[in-house]
């Protein structure tokens, strides 16, 4: 998942496509974190989600919506 995230950041895709891919990846990481919530492995997923949030906001700052997608990922 980390690799997918780094590839997405490096891809320079149009905002609408990047937002869609980011949303799917966010959901995948969030789901993985939820599945190990009671185990130490959750820390790695939480750290990745934090890095994803920060990188996404810095790369797409100022964009609030594209094609109905949120520029800020879901948090739950």
Protein backbone atom coordinates (compact mmCIF):
# COMPACT_ATOMS: atom_id res chain seq x y z
CA UNK A 1 0.00 0.00 0.00
CA UNK A 2 2.87 2.34 0.78
CA UNK A 3 4.30 1.68 -2.68
CA UNK A 4 0.93 2.35 -4.32
CA UNK A 5 0.69 5.64 -2.45
CA UNK A 6 4.17 6.78 -3.47
CA UNK A 7 3.47 5.84 -7.09
CA UNK A 8 0.23 7.83 -6.99
CA UNK A 9 2.05 10.92 -5.73
CA UNK A 10 4.71 10.60 -8.40
CA UNK A 11 2.21 9.96 -11.20
CA UNK A 12 1.11 13.58 -11.75
CA UNK A 13 -2.33 12.37 -12.80
CA UNK A 14 -5.09 14.90 -13.42
CA UNK A 15 -6.78 15.92 -10.17
CA UNK A 16 -10.04 14.08 -10.85
CA UNK A 17 -8.27 10.78 -11.53
CA UNK A 18 -5.80 11.20 -8.67
CA UNK A 19 -8.66 11.99 -6.27
CA UNK A 20 -10.51 8.83 -7.26
CA UNK A 21 -7.42 6.66 -6.92
CA UNK A 22 -6.52 8.29 -3.62
CA UNK A 23 -10.02 7.69 -2.26
CA UNK A 24 -9.81 3.99 -3.14
CA UNK A 25 -6.34 3.65 -1.64
CA UNK A 26 -7.45 5.53 1.49
CA UNK A 27 -10.36 3.12 1.92
CA UNK A 28 -8.05 0.13 1.45
CA UNK A 29 -5.55 1.35 4.05
CA UNK A 30 -8.34 2.32 6.44
CA UNK A 31 -9.92 -1.13 6.09
CA UNK A 32 -6.58 -2.84 6.71
CA UNK A 33 -6.06 -0.71 9.83
CA UNK A 34 -9.53 -1.59 11.11
CA UNK A 35 -8.82 -5.29 10.66
CA UNK A 36 -5.79 -5.12 12.99
CA UNK A 37 -7.03 -2.44 15.39
CA UNK A 38 -6.20 -4.53 18.47
CA UNK A 39 -2.69 -5.41 17.30
CA UNK A 40 0.58 -3.47 17.10
CA UNK A 41 0.44 -3.60 13.28
CA UNK A 42 -2.23 -0.90 13.38
CA UNK A 43 0.47 1.67 14.13
CA UNK A 44 1.99 1.26 10.67
CA UNK A 45 -1.37 1.78 8.99
CA UNK A 46 -2.16 4.83 11.11
CA UNK A 47 1.23 6.32 10.26
CA UNK A 48 0.59 5.69 6.56
CA UNK A 49 -2.85 7.33 6.76
CA UNK A 50 -1.27 10.40 8.39
CA UNK A 51 1.41 10.61 5.70
CA UNK A 52 -1.22 10.16 3.00
CA UNK A 53 -3.36 12.96 4.44
CA UNK A 54 -0.45 15.40 4.68
CA UNK A 55 0.95 14.63 1.26
CA UNK A 56 -2.46 14.78 -0.38
CA UNK A 57 -3.27 18.14 1.18
CA UNK A 58 0.06 19.63 0.16
CA UNK A 59 -0.15 18.32 -3.40
CA UNK A 60 -3.77 19.30 -4.01
CA UNK A 61 -4.12 22.30 -1.67
CA UNK A 62 -7.01 24.57 -2.58
CA UNK A 63 -8.98 21.91 -4.46
CA UNK A 64 -12.19 21.19 -2.60
CA UNK A 65 -14.15 19.08 -5.07
CA UNK A 66 -13.52 17.44 -8.42
CA UNK A 67 -16.26 15.60 -10.26
CA UNK A 68 -18.19 15.17 -7.03
CA UNK A 69 -15.24 13.70 -5.13
CA UNK A 70 -13.94 15.16 -1.92
CA UNK A 71 -10.41 16.49 -2.04
CA UNK A 72 -10.15 15.59 1.65
CA UNK A 73 -10.43 11.85 2.22
CA UNK A 74 -12.88 10.24 4.58
CA UNK A 75 -11.67 9.83 8.12
CA UNK A 76 -13.88 6.97 9.17
